[in-house]
Amino acid sequence: MTTGWIVGYAIGVVVVLAVVALVVPILVLARSIGRAAPLIDDELTAAVRHTAALRELRTTIDHAEVITAGLRRGRERLGG
């Protein structure tokens, strides 16, 4: 009967060690991500700030189309 308990404890220790071996790298990676998160957030905020003017790009394109259409009409009227 004693051998069964020893085998059971050995299997339990192996299972616990396997779980620890799988969980520790996940926790290390999570800690690394947690440390990098503020820097990533700051960079994303800067990217939003630097690209905010792109919202006006559609307006610029619309104005450019009006101008080029006017130039095209002017060229046609001048015979070009």
Protein backbone atom coordinates (compact mmCIF):
# COMPACT_ATOMS: atom_id res chain seq x y z
CA MET A 1 0.00 0.00 0.00
CA THR A 2 2.87 2.35 0.71
CA THR A 3 4.09 2.06 -2.88
CA GLY A 4 0.73 3.35 -4.16
CA TRP A 5 0.98 6.47 -2.01
CA ILE A 6 4.53 7.12 -3.20
CA VAL A 7 3.47 6.74 -6.84
CA GLY A 8 0.48 9.02 -6.22
CA TYR A 9 2.60 11.70 -4.60
CA ALA A 10 5.18 11.42 -7.39
CA ILE A 11 2.49 11.88 -10.04
CA GLY A 12 1.11 14.84 -8.08
CA VAL A 13 4.53 16.47 -7.88
CA VAL A 14 5.06 15.95 -11.63
CA VAL A 15 1.67 17.50 -12.40
CA VAL A 16 2.37 20.50 -10.15
CA LEU A 17 5.81 20.98 -11.74
CA ALA A 18 4.30 20.79 -15.23
CA VAL A 19 1.67 23.40 -14.35
CA VAL A 20 4.33 25.69 -12.86
CA ALA A 21 6.51 25.20 -15.96
CA LEU A 22 3.59 26.29 -18.15
CA VAL A 23 2.30 29.17 -16.01
CA VAL A 24 5.61 30.88 -15.15
CA PRO A 25 6.47 31.86 -18.77
CA ILE A 26 2.94 33.22 -19.21
CA LEU A 27 3.31 35.36 -16.09
CA VAL A 28 6.74 36.59 -17.21
CA LEU A 29 5.30 37.57 -20.59
CA ALA A 30 2.33 39.29 -18.95
CA ARG A 31 4.69 41.27 -16.73
CA SER A 32 6.73 42.33 -19.76
CA ILE A 33 3.59 43.43 -21.60
CA GLY A 34 2.41 45.29 -18.51
CA ARG A 35 5.67 47.22 -18.34
CA ALA A 36 5.52 48.09 -22.06
CA ALA A 37 1.84 49.09 -22.04
CA PRO A 38 2.34 52.72 -20.89
CA LEU A 39 4.95 53.31 -23.60
CA ILE A 40 2.68 51.76 -26.23
CA ASP A 41 -0.22 53.91 -25.04
CA ASP A 42 1.92 57.07 -25.23
CA GLU A 43 3.04 56.23 -28.76
CA LEU A 44 -0.53 55.52 -29.89
CA THR A 45 -1.64 58.85 -28.41
CA ALA A 46 1.16 60.60 -30.30
CA ALA A 47 0.14 58.81 -33.51
CA VAL A 48 -3.44 60.04 -33.10
CA ARG A 49 -2.20 63.57 -32.53
CA HIS A 50 0.14 63.45 -35.56
CA THR A 51 -2.48 62.04 -37.92
CA ALA A 52 -5.44 64.18 -36.81
CA ALA A 53 -5.01 66.46 -39.83
CA LEU A 54 -5.78 63.53 -42.15
CA ARG A 55 -9.46 64.03 -41.27
CA GLU A 56 -9.34 67.13 -43.47
CA LEU A 57 -7.88 65.23 -46.42
CA ARG A 58 -11.32 64.63 -47.94
CA THR A 59 -11.99 68.38 -47.89
CA THR A 60 -8.62 69.02 -49.56
CA ILE A 61 -9.37 66.45 -52.25
CA ASP A 62 -12.81 67.98 -52.87
CA HIS A 63 -11.29 71.45 -53.29
CA ALA A 64 -8.56 70.09 -55.57
CA GLU A 65 -11.18 68.43 -57.77
CA VAL A 66 -13.13 71.71 -58.05
CA ILE A 67 -9.93 73.58 -58.97
CA THR A 68 -8.82 71.03 -61.57
CA ALA A 69 -12.32 70.96 -63.08
CA GLY A 70 -12.19 74.77 -63.38
CA LEU A 71 -8.77 74.60 -65.00
CA ARG A 72 -10.03 71.95 -67.42
CA ARG A 73 -13.00 74.15 -68.38
CA GLY A 74 -10.68 77.11 -68.84
CA ARG A 75 -8.38 75.11 -71.11
CA GLU A 76 -11.35 73.92 -73.21
CA ARG A 77 -12.64 77.48 -73.59
CA LEU A 78 -9.24 78.66 -74.70
CA GLY A 79 -9.15 75.91 -77.30
CA GLY A 80 -6.56 73.70 -75.59
